[in-house]
Amino acid sequence: MSRKRVVAGLLILASGAVVADELTDLVPAETGAAACWQRIYDAPHLAAHPDQQVAAMTLSLNFAAYDDTDPGMHYFGMDVTLRDGRRGETGGACRTNDDGRVNCGVECDGGGIQIRLRPDGSLLADLEAYGFIRVEGECASSGEGSSFSLEPGLDDKQFLLHPADGKLCKGLLTQW
């Protein structure tokens, strides 16, 4: 291998162009394994992005199996707070597609997100890849849960979340 190819390969690695896409790169396929990411957008960021509706996002990813005979699955939980004060949670199963991308979806056509781990440990949550995600809010006055759809907007397409203490995600983790 030529020296130029080695140097070019090292430059690509150093640039952060290589990312982990497999679910097991995010969280091992071991019952109880979990990870947590969060971002709370501060006032200066929101002022610089007036069209951004998401004010905070927390995302958990975990692996769970029902029993010893169950092969298990990766699950995600997400808590979102919007600029207008609405808040809600959503979640579902995640899988790696044939193209190596990790998609996490909400059952019953509730949309989803695509996630990608970056070399620095942060997570890029891509809302635009699915087009929307249904979020369940707090109970409405009628006693039924309210929900809203989070859709990509001018400043609500991708969210860079940073590693967070697992305690922040405890309520979002799938429990059997």
N, C-alpha and C. Protein backbone atom coordinates (compact mmCIF):
# COMPACT_ATOMS: atom_id res chain seq x y z
N MET A 1 0.86 -1.18 0.00
CA MET A 1 0.00 0.00 0.00
C MET A 1 0.90 1.24 0.00
N SER A 2 0.53 2.20 -0.81
CA SER A 2 1.36 3.39 -0.90
C SER A 2 1.20 4.27 0.32
N ARG A 3 2.22 5.07 0.55
CA ARG A 3 2.21 5.99 1.68
C ARG A 3 1.06 7.00 1.54
N LYS A 4 0.76 7.43 0.31
CA LYS A 4 -0.32 8.40 0.07
C LYS A 4 -1.67 7.83 0.50
N ARG A 5 -1.91 6.55 0.21
CA ARG A 5 -3.19 5.93 0.60
C ARG A 5 -3.32 5.84 2.12
N VAL A 6 -2.22 5.50 2.79
CA VAL A 6 -2.25 5.42 4.25
C VAL A 6 -2.54 6.79 4.85
N VAL A 7 -1.87 7.81 4.35
CA VAL A 7 -2.09 9.17 4.84
C VAL A 7 -3.53 9.61 4.56
N ALA A 8 -4.03 9.31 3.35
CA ALA A 8 -5.41 9.69 3.01
C ALA A 8 -6.40 8.99 3.94
N GLY A 9 -6.16 7.72 4.24
CA GLY A 9 -7.05 6.99 5.15
C GLY A 9 -7.03 7.57 6.55
N LEU A 10 -5.86 7.95 7.03
CA LEU A 10 -5.76 8.55 8.36
C LEU A 10 -6.44 9.91 8.40
N LEU A 11 -6.36 10.67 7.32
CA LEU A 11 -7.04 11.96 7.27
C LEU A 11 -8.55 11.80 7.31
N ILE A 12 -9.06 10.78 6.62
CA ILE A 12 -10.51 10.54 6.66
C ILE A 12 -10.94 10.18 8.08
N LEU A 13 -10.18 9.31 8.74
CA LEU A 13 -10.51 8.96 10.13
C LEU A 13 -10.46 10.17 11.04
N ALA A 14 -9.46 11.00 10.89
CA ALA A 14 -9.32 12.19 11.74
C ALA A 14 -10.39 13.22 11.48
N SER A 15 -10.95 13.23 10.28
CA SER A 15 -11.96 14.23 9.94
C SER A 15 -13.31 13.93 10.57
N GLY A 16 -13.49 12.71 11.08
CA GLY A 16 -14.77 12.35 11.68
C GLY A 16 -15.75 11.84 10.65
N ALA A 17 -15.28 11.55 9.43
CA ALA A 17 -16.17 11.09 8.38
C ALA A 17 -16.64 9.65 8.63
N VAL A 18 -15.90 8.91 9.42
CA VAL A 18 -16.27 7.54 9.70
C VAL A 18 -17.15 7.53 10.94
N VAL A 19 -18.31 6.91 10.83
CA VAL A 19 -19.24 6.86 11.95
C VAL A 19 -19.68 5.42 12.19
N ALA A 20 -20.14 5.15 13.37
CA ALA A 20 -20.64 3.82 13.70
C ALA A 20 -22.13 3.78 13.36
N ASP A 21 -22.52 2.79 12.61
CA ASP A 21 -23.92 2.67 12.23
C ASP A 21 -24.60 1.42 12.79
N GLU A 22 -23.84 0.42 13.15
CA GLU A 22 -24.45 -0.79 13.68
C GLU A 22 -25.01 -0.53 15.06
N LEU A 23 -26.15 -1.12 15.35
CA LEU A 23 -26.75 -0.97 16.67
C LEU A 23 -25.81 -1.42 17.78
N THR A 24 -25.07 -2.48 17.53
CA THR A 24 -24.18 -2.99 18.57
C THR A 24 -23.01 -2.04 18.82
N ASP A 25 -22.74 -1.11 17.88
CA ASP A 25 -21.75 -0.07 18.13
C ASP A 25 -22.30 0.97 19.10
N LEU A 26 -23.62 1.11 19.12
CA LEU A 26 -24.28 2.06 20.00
C LEU A 26 -24.50 1.46 21.39
N VAL A 27 -25.06 0.26 21.41
CA VAL A 27 -25.36 -0.47 22.65
C VAL A 27 -25.16 -1.95 22.37
N PRO A 28 -24.36 -2.65 23.17
CA PRO A 28 -24.15 -4.08 22.94
C PRO A 28 -25.47 -4.86 23.04
N ALA A 29 -25.53 -5.98 22.33
CA ALA A 29 -26.73 -6.83 22.35
C ALA A 29 -26.69 -7.72 23.59
N GLU A 30 -26.75 -7.07 24.75
CA GLU A 30 -26.74 -7.75 26.04
C GLU A 30 -27.86 -7.18 26.88
N THR A 31 -28.69 -8.05 27.44
CA THR A 31 -29.81 -7.59 28.24
C THR A 31 -29.33 -6.63 29.33
N GLY A 32 -29.98 -5.49 29.38
CA GLY A 32 -29.64 -4.47 30.37
C GLY A 32 -28.68 -3.40 29.86
N ALA A 33 -28.06 -3.63 28.70
CA ALA A 33 -27.15 -2.62 28.15
C ALA A 33 -27.96 -1.40 27.72
N ALA A 34 -27.44 -0.21 28.01
CA ALA A 34 -28.17 1.01 27.69
C ALA A 34 -27.21 2.18 27.53
N ALA A 35 -27.70 3.19 26.82
CA ALA A 35 -26.94 4.43 26.65
C ALA A 35 -27.93 5.59 26.62
N CYS A 36 -27.41 6.79 26.90
CA CYS A 36 -28.27 7.97 27.02
C CYS A 36 -27.59 9.18 26.38
N TRP A 37 -28.36 9.97 25.65
CA TRP A 37 -27.88 11.21 25.05
C TRP A 37 -28.91 12.30 25.30
N GLN A 38 -28.44 13.54 25.39
CA GLN A 38 -29.36 14.64 25.66
C GLN A 38 -28.82 15.95 25.09
N ARG A 39 -29.73 16.84 24.79
CA ARG A 39 -29.36 18.21 24.44
C ARG A 39 -30.47 19.13 24.90
N ILE A 40 -30.09 20.13 25.66
CA ILE A 40 -31.01 21.20 26.06
C ILE A 40 -30.47 22.46 25.37
N TYR A 41 -31.26 22.97 24.46
CA TYR A 41 -30.81 24.13 23.69
C TYR A 41 -30.95 25.39 24.53
N ASP A 42 -29.86 26.14 24.64
CA ASP A 42 -29.88 27.36 25.46
C ASP A 42 -30.51 28.52 24.69
N ALA A 43 -30.78 29.59 25.42
CA ALA A 43 -31.45 30.76 24.85
C ALA A 43 -30.68 31.35 23.66
N PRO A 44 -29.35 31.49 23.74
CA PRO A 44 -28.63 32.02 22.57
C PRO A 44 -28.79 31.14 21.32
N HIS A 45 -28.77 29.81 21.50
CA HIS A 45 -28.95 28.92 20.35
C HIS A 45 -30.34 29.09 19.75
N LEU A 46 -31.35 29.10 20.62
CA LEU A 46 -32.73 29.24 20.12
C LEU A 46 -32.95 30.61 19.47
N ALA A 47 -32.30 31.65 20.00
CA ALA A 47 -32.41 32.98 19.39
C ALA A 47 -31.77 32.98 18.00
N ALA A 48 -30.66 32.26 17.84
CA ALA A 48 -29.98 32.18 16.55
C ALA A 48 -30.72 31.29 15.56
N HIS A 49 -31.63 30.44 16.06
CA HIS A 49 -32.42 29.52 15.23
C HIS A 49 -33.90 29.71 15.55
N PRO A 50 -34.49 30.83 15.14
CA PRO A 50 -35.87 31.14 15.53
C PRO A 50 -36.91 30.16 14.99
N ASP A 51 -36.56 29.39 13.96
CA ASP A 51 -37.51 28.43 13.41
C ASP A 51 -37.41 27.05 14.07
N GLN A 52 -36.46 26.88 14.97
CA GLN A 52 -36.32 25.60 15.66
C GLN A 52 -37.39 25.49 16.73
N GLN A 53 -38.18 24.42 16.67
CA GLN A 53 -39.24 24.19 17.64
C GLN A 53 -38.79 23.36 18.83
N VAL A 54 -37.80 22.47 18.62
CA VAL A 54 -37.32 21.60 19.70
C VAL A 54 -36.42 22.40 20.63
N ALA A 55 -36.80 22.43 21.91
CA ALA A 55 -36.01 23.13 22.92
C ALA A 55 -35.13 22.16 23.71
N ALA A 56 -35.53 20.88 23.77
CA ALA A 56 -34.75 19.87 24.48
C ALA A 56 -35.11 18.49 23.94
N MET A 57 -34.12 17.60 23.93
CA MET A 57 -34.36 16.23 23.49
C MET A 57 -33.45 15.31 24.30
N THR A 58 -34.03 14.22 24.80
CA THR A 58 -33.29 13.17 25.49
C THR A 58 -33.62 11.87 24.79
N LEU A 59 -32.60 11.06 24.51
CA LEU A 59 -32.82 9.81 23.80
C LEU A 59 -32.09 8.69 24.52
N SER A 60 -32.80 7.60 24.76
CA SER A 60 -32.18 6.41 25.35
C SER A 60 -32.21 5.30 24.32
N LEU A 61 -31.26 4.42 24.44
CA LEU A 61 -31.22 3.22 23.61
C LEU A 61 -30.83 2.09 24.53
N ASN A 62 -31.59 1.00 24.45
CA ASN A 62 -31.26 -0.14 25.29
C ASN A 62 -31.55 -1.44 24.56
N PHE A 63 -31.04 -2.51 25.13
CA PHE A 63 -31.26 -3.85 24.60
C PHE A 63 -32.02 -4.63 25.65
N ALA A 64 -33.07 -5.33 25.21
CA ALA A 64 -33.86 -6.11 26.15
C ALA A 64 -34.33 -7.41 25.49
N ALA A 65 -34.45 -8.43 26.30
CA ALA A 65 -34.99 -9.71 25.88
C ALA A 65 -36.03 -10.13 26.90
N TYR A 66 -37.09 -10.74 26.43
CA TYR A 66 -38.18 -11.15 27.31
C TYR A 66 -37.73 -12.27 28.26
N ASP A 67 -37.02 -13.24 27.72
CA ASP A 67 -36.50 -14.35 28.53
C ASP A 67 -35.28 -14.94 27.83
N ASP A 68 -34.77 -16.04 28.34
CA ASP A 68 -33.55 -16.64 27.79
C ASP A 68 -33.73 -17.17 26.37
N THR A 69 -34.95 -17.44 25.94
CA THR A 69 -35.18 -17.96 24.60
C THR A 69 -35.42 -16.84 23.58
N ASP A 70 -35.65 -15.64 24.05
CA ASP A 70 -35.91 -14.49 23.19
C ASP A 70 -34.58 -13.91 22.71
N PRO A 71 -34.40 -13.71 21.38
CA PRO A 71 -33.13 -13.15 20.91
C PRO A 71 -32.93 -11.68 21.30
N GLY A 72 -33.99 -11.03 21.72
CA GLY A 72 -33.89 -9.65 22.16
C GLY A 72 -33.92 -8.65 21.03
N MET A 73 -33.97 -7.39 21.41
CA MET A 73 -34.07 -6.32 20.43
C MET A 73 -33.58 -5.01 21.04
N HIS A 74 -33.16 -4.10 20.19
CA HIS A 74 -32.79 -2.75 20.62
C HIS A 74 -34.04 -1.87 20.60
N TYR A 75 -34.20 -1.08 21.64
CA TYR A 75 -35.34 -0.18 21.77
C TYR A 75 -34.85 1.23 22.05
N PHE A 76 -35.66 2.21 21.65
CA PHE A 76 -35.33 3.60 21.96
C PHE A 76 -36.48 4.23 22.69
N GLY A 77 -36.15 5.22 23.48
CA GLY A 77 -37.14 6.07 24.14
C GLY A 77 -36.68 7.51 23.94
N MET A 78 -37.62 8.39 23.71
CA MET A 78 -37.25 9.78 23.46
C MET A 78 -38.21 10.71 24.17
N ASP A 79 -37.65 11.72 24.81
CA ASP A 79 -38.42 12.76 25.49
C ASP A 79 -38.12 14.07 24.74
N VAL A 80 -39.17 14.78 24.37
CA VAL A 80 -39.01 16.02 23.60
C VAL A 80 -39.77 17.14 24.29
N THR A 81 -39.13 18.31 24.37
CA THR A 81 -39.81 19.52 24.84
C THR A 81 -39.72 20.54 23.70
N LEU A 82 -40.87 21.10 23.37
CA LEU A 82 -40.91 22.10 22.30
C LEU A 82 -40.84 23.50 22.88
N ARG A 83 -40.54 24.42 22.04
CA ARG A 83 -40.42 25.83 22.41
C ARG A 83 -41.73 26.36 23.00
N ASP A 84 -42.86 25.85 22.51
CA ASP A 84 -44.16 26.33 23.00
C ASP A 84 -44.58 25.67 24.32
N GLY A 85 -43.70 24.84 24.90
CA GLY A 85 -43.98 24.23 26.20
C GLY A 85 -44.55 22.82 26.13
N ARG A 86 -44.99 22.38 24.96
CA ARG A 86 -45.48 21.01 24.85
C ARG A 86 -44.33 20.04 25.10
N ARG A 87 -44.67 18.94 25.77
CA ARG A 87 -43.66 17.94 26.09
C ARG A 87 -44.28 16.57 25.93
N GLY A 88 -43.48 15.62 25.49
CA GLY A 88 -43.99 14.27 25.34
C GLY A 88 -42.88 13.26 25.17
N GLU A 89 -43.30 12.00 25.17
CA GLU A 89 -42.38 10.88 25.02
C GLU A 89 -42.85 9.99 23.90
N THR A 90 -41.91 9.27 23.34
CA THR A 90 -42.21 8.29 22.32
C THR A 90 -41.14 7.22 22.36
N GLY A 91 -41.34 6.16 21.65
CA GLY A 91 -40.34 5.11 21.62
C GLY A 91 -40.77 3.96 20.73
N GLY A 92 -39.88 3.02 20.56
CA GLY A 92 -40.15 1.86 19.73
C GLY A 92 -38.89 1.04 19.53
N ALA A 93 -38.90 0.24 18.50
CA ALA A 93 -37.79 -0.65 18.20
C ALA A 93 -36.84 -0.02 17.19
N CYS A 94 -35.58 -0.44 17.25
CA CYS A 94 -34.56 0.03 16.32
C CYS A 94 -33.98 -1.18 15.60
N ARG A 95 -33.57 -0.96 14.36
CA ARG A 95 -32.90 -2.01 13.61
C ARG A 95 -31.94 -1.39 12.61
N THR A 96 -30.94 -2.16 12.25
CA THR A 96 -29.99 -1.73 11.23
C THR A 96 -30.50 -2.20 9.88
N ASN A 97 -30.66 -1.28 8.95
CA ASN A 97 -31.13 -1.61 7.60
C ASN A 97 -30.01 -2.25 6.79
N ASP A 98 -30.39 -2.76 5.62
CA ASP A 98 -29.41 -3.38 4.73
C ASP A 98 -28.30 -2.41 4.33
N ASP A 99 -28.62 -1.11 4.30
CA ASP A 99 -27.61 -0.11 3.92
C ASP A 99 -26.74 0.32 5.10
N GLY A 100 -26.94 -0.32 6.27
CA GLY A 100 -26.11 -0.02 7.44
C GLY A 100 -26.61 1.12 8.30
N ARG A 101 -27.72 1.73 7.94
CA ARG A 101 -28.26 2.85 8.72
C ARG A 101 -29.18 2.32 9.81
N VAL A 102 -29.16 2.99 10.95
CA VAL A 102 -29.99 2.57 12.08
C VAL A 102 -31.26 3.41 12.10
N ASN A 103 -32.39 2.73 11.96
CA ASN A 103 -33.69 3.38 12.01
C ASN A 103 -34.44 2.94 13.25
N CYS A 104 -35.07 3.89 13.91
CA CYS A 104 -35.88 3.63 15.10
C CYS A 104 -37.28 4.12 14.81
N GLY A 105 -38.25 3.23 14.91
CA GLY A 105 -39.61 3.59 14.54
C GLY A 105 -40.62 3.40 15.65
N VAL A 106 -41.69 4.16 15.54
CA VAL A 106 -42.82 4.07 16.46
C VAL A 106 -43.88 3.21 15.78
N GLU A 107 -44.43 2.24 16.51
CA GLU A 107 -45.42 1.33 15.93
C GLU A 107 -46.66 2.07 15.43
N CYS A 108 -47.44 1.38 14.62
CA CYS A 108 -48.71 1.87 14.07
C CYS A 108 -48.49 3.14 13.24
N ASP A 109 -47.46 3.11 12.41
CA ASP A 109 -47.14 4.22 11.52
C ASP A 109 -46.97 5.53 12.27
N GLY A 110 -46.20 5.45 13.34
CA GLY A 110 -45.93 6.64 14.14
C GLY A 110 -44.64 7.34 13.73
N GLY A 111 -44.10 7.00 12.56
CA GLY A 111 -42.89 7.64 12.09
C GLY A 111 -41.67 7.15 12.83
N GLY A 112 -40.62 7.97 12.86
CA GLY A 112 -39.41 7.58 13.54
C GLY A 112 -38.26 8.51 13.26
N ILE A 113 -37.08 8.03 13.62
CA ILE A 113 -35.85 8.78 13.42
C ILE A 113 -34.76 7.82 12.94
N GLN A 114 -33.77 8.38 12.33
CA GLN A 114 -32.57 7.64 11.99
C GLN A 114 -31.48 8.14 12.92
N ILE A 115 -30.70 7.25 13.49
CA ILE A 115 -29.66 7.68 14.42
C ILE A 115 -28.30 7.23 13.93
N ARG A 116 -27.31 8.03 14.28
CA ARG A 116 -25.93 7.73 13.88
C ARG A 116 -24.99 8.20 14.99
N LEU A 117 -24.14 7.28 15.43
CA LEU A 117 -23.14 7.61 16.43
C LEU A 117 -21.96 8.29 15.75
N ARG A 118 -21.53 9.39 16.30
CA ARG A 118 -20.38 10.11 15.76
C ARG A 118 -19.12 9.69 16.52
N PRO A 119 -17.96 9.88 15.92
CA PRO A 119 -16.71 9.43 16.56
C PRO A 119 -16.47 9.99 17.96
N ASP A 120 -17.03 11.17 18.27
CA ASP A 120 -16.82 11.76 19.59
C ASP A 120 -17.81 11.25 20.63
N GLY A 121 -18.69 10.29 20.25
CA GLY A 121 -19.66 9.73 21.18
C GLY A 121 -21.01 10.42 21.15
N SER A 122 -21.10 11.55 20.45
CA SER A 122 -22.40 12.21 20.32
C SER A 122 -23.26 11.44 19.33
N LEU A 123 -24.53 11.73 19.32
CA LEU A 123 -25.48 11.01 18.49
C LEU A 123 -26.23 12.01 17.61
N LEU A 124 -26.33 11.71 16.34
CA LEU A 124 -27.09 12.54 15.43
C LEU A 124 -28.45 11.87 15.21
N ALA A 125 -29.51 12.54 15.63
CA ALA A 125 -30.87 12.05 15.45
C ALA A 125 -31.47 12.78 14.26
N ASP A 126 -31.76 12.04 13.20
CA ASP A 126 -32.22 12.62 11.93
C ASP A 126 -33.73 12.41 11.79
N LEU A 127 -34.48 13.47 11.96
CA LEU A 127 -35.93 13.43 11.83
C LEU A 127 -36.34 13.43 10.37
N GLU A 128 -35.56 14.05 9.54
CA GLU A 128 -35.89 14.19 8.12
C GLU A 128 -35.90 12.85 7.39
N ALA A 129 -35.12 11.89 7.85
CA ALA A 129 -35.04 10.58 7.20
C ALA A 129 -36.39 9.87 7.17
N TYR A 130 -37.21 10.05 8.20
CA TYR A 130 -38.55 9.46 8.25
C TYR A 130 -39.63 10.45 7.83
N GLY A 131 -39.46 11.69 8.17
CA GLY A 131 -40.45 12.70 7.83
C GLY A 131 -41.29 13.16 9.00
N PHE A 132 -41.39 12.35 10.06
CA PHE A 132 -42.13 12.76 11.26
C PHE A 132 -41.95 11.69 12.33
N ILE A 133 -42.31 12.07 13.56
CA ILE A 133 -42.40 11.10 14.64
C ILE A 133 -43.55 11.54 15.55
N ARG A 134 -44.39 10.58 15.90
CA ARG A 134 -45.52 10.86 16.79
C ARG A 134 -45.03 10.83 18.23
N VAL A 135 -45.40 11.86 18.97
CA VAL A 135 -44.99 12.01 20.36
C VAL A 135 -46.25 12.05 21.23
N GLU A 136 -46.26 11.27 22.29
CA GLU A 136 -47.41 11.24 23.20
C GLU A 136 -47.18 12.25 24.31
N GLY A 137 -48.08 13.20 24.42
CA GLY A 137 -47.98 14.22 25.45
C GLY A 137 -48.69 13.81 26.72
N GLU A 138 -48.78 14.72 27.65
CA GLU A 138 -49.47 14.45 28.91
C GLU A 138 -50.96 14.29 28.64
N CYS A 139 -51.65 13.73 29.59
CA CYS A 139 -53.08 13.46 29.42
C CYS A 139 -53.85 14.75 29.17
N ALA A 140 -54.78 14.64 28.25
CA ALA A 140 -55.65 15.78 27.96
C ALA A 140 -56.78 15.82 28.99
N SER A 141 -57.55 16.86 28.97
CA SER A 141 -58.62 17.02 29.96
C SER A 141 -59.68 15.93 29.84
N SER A 142 -59.81 15.31 28.66
CA SER A 142 -60.82 14.27 28.48
C SER A 142 -60.38 12.94 29.07
N GLY A 143 -59.15 12.89 29.57
CA GLY A 143 -58.66 11.65 30.16
C GLY A 143 -57.88 10.82 29.16
N GLU A 144 -57.93 11.17 27.88
CA GLU A 144 -57.16 10.46 26.88
C GLU A 144 -55.85 11.19 26.65
N GLY A 145 -54.85 10.43 26.29
CA GLY A 145 -53.55 11.04 26.03
C GLY A 145 -53.59 11.92 24.79
N SER A 146 -52.91 13.03 24.85
CA SER A 146 -52.79 13.88 23.68
C SER A 146 -51.48 13.52 22.98
N SER A 147 -51.44 13.76 21.69
CA SER A 147 -50.21 13.50 20.97
C SER A 147 -49.99 14.62 19.96
N PHE A 148 -48.76 14.74 19.54
CA PHE A 148 -48.45 15.70 18.50
C PHE A 148 -47.41 15.07 17.59
N SER A 149 -47.34 15.57 16.39
CA SER A 149 -46.39 15.07 15.42
C SER A 149 -45.24 16.06 15.32
N LEU A 150 -44.04 15.57 15.53
CA LEU A 150 -42.85 16.39 15.36
C LEU A 150 -42.39 16.18 13.92
N GLU A 151 -42.38 17.24 13.15
CA GLU A 151 -42.04 17.16 11.74
C GLU A 151 -40.82 18.02 11.44
N PRO A 152 -40.05 17.63 10.41
CA PRO A 152 -38.89 18.45 10.05
C PRO A 152 -39.32 19.85 9.63
N GLY A 153 -38.62 20.82 10.11
CA GLY A 153 -38.85 22.21 9.72
C GLY A 153 -37.52 22.82 9.30
N LEU A 154 -37.50 24.11 9.13
CA LEU A 154 -36.26 24.77 8.71
C LEU A 154 -35.09 24.44 9.63
N ASP A 155 -35.33 24.44 10.92
CA ASP A 155 -34.27 24.16 11.90
C ASP A 155 -34.56 22.94 12.76
N ASP A 156 -35.42 22.06 12.29
CA ASP A 156 -35.78 20.86 13.05
C ASP A 156 -35.60 19.61 12.19
N LYS A 157 -34.43 19.44 11.63
CA LYS A 157 -34.17 18.28 10.76
C LYS A 157 -33.30 17.25 11.44
N GLN A 158 -32.19 17.73 11.99
CA GLN A 158 -31.24 16.85 12.67
C GLN A 158 -30.88 17.47 14.01
N PHE A 159 -30.67 16.59 15.00
CA PHE A 159 -30.38 17.05 16.36
C PHE A 159 -29.13 16.34 16.85
N LEU A 160 -28.14 17.13 17.23
CA LEU A 160 -26.90 16.58 17.76
C LEU A 160 -27.03 16.48 19.28
N LEU A 161 -27.08 15.24 19.76
CA LEU A 161 -27.25 14.98 21.19
C LEU A 161 -25.92 14.50 21.76
N HIS A 162 -25.67 14.84 23.00
CA HIS A 162 -24.40 14.52 23.65
C HIS A 162 -24.59 13.42 24.70
N PRO A 163 -23.56 12.60 24.94
CA PRO A 163 -23.68 11.57 25.96
C PRO A 163 -24.12 12.18 27.29
N ALA A 164 -25.02 11.48 27.96
CA ALA A 164 -25.56 11.99 29.22
C ALA A 164 -25.57 10.88 30.27
N ASP A 165 -25.72 11.27 31.50
CA ASP A 165 -25.82 10.34 32.62
C ASP A 165 -27.04 9.45 32.41
N GLY A 166 -26.86 8.16 32.59
CA GLY A 166 -27.95 7.21 32.40
C GLY A 166 -29.17 7.48 33.27
N LYS A 167 -28.98 8.17 34.39
CA LYS A 167 -30.12 8.50 35.27
C LYS A 167 -31.14 9.36 34.54
N LEU A 168 -30.69 10.18 33.60
CA LEU A 168 -31.61 11.04 32.85
C LEU A 168 -32.54 10.24 31.95
N CYS A 169 -32.12 9.04 31.58
CA CYS A 169 -32.90 8.22 30.65
C CYS A 169 -33.65 7.08 31.33
N LYS A 170 -33.50 6.96 32.62
CA LYS A 170 -34.07 5.79 33.32
C LYS A 170 -35.55 5.58 33.01
N GLY A 171 -36.34 6.63 32.99
CA GLY A 171 -37.76 6.50 32.71
C GLY A 171 -38.09 6.19 31.26
N LEU A 172 -37.11 6.31 30.37
CA LEU A 172 -37.33 6.07 28.95
C LEU A 172 -36.96 4.65 28.52
N LEU A 173 -36.32 3.89 29.41
CA LEU A 173 -35.83 2.56 29.05
C LEU A 173 -36.95 1.54 29.05
N THR A 174 -36.89 0.64 28.07
CA THR A 174 -37.85 -0.46 27.99
C THR A 174 -37.61 -1.42 29.14
N GLN A 175 -38.66 -1.77 29.83
CA GLN A 175 -38.56 -2.73 30.94
C GLN A 175 -39.47 -3.92 30.62
N TRP A 176 -38.98 -5.11 30.86
CA TRP A 176 -39.81 -6.31 30.66
C TRP A 176 -40.40 -6.73 31.97
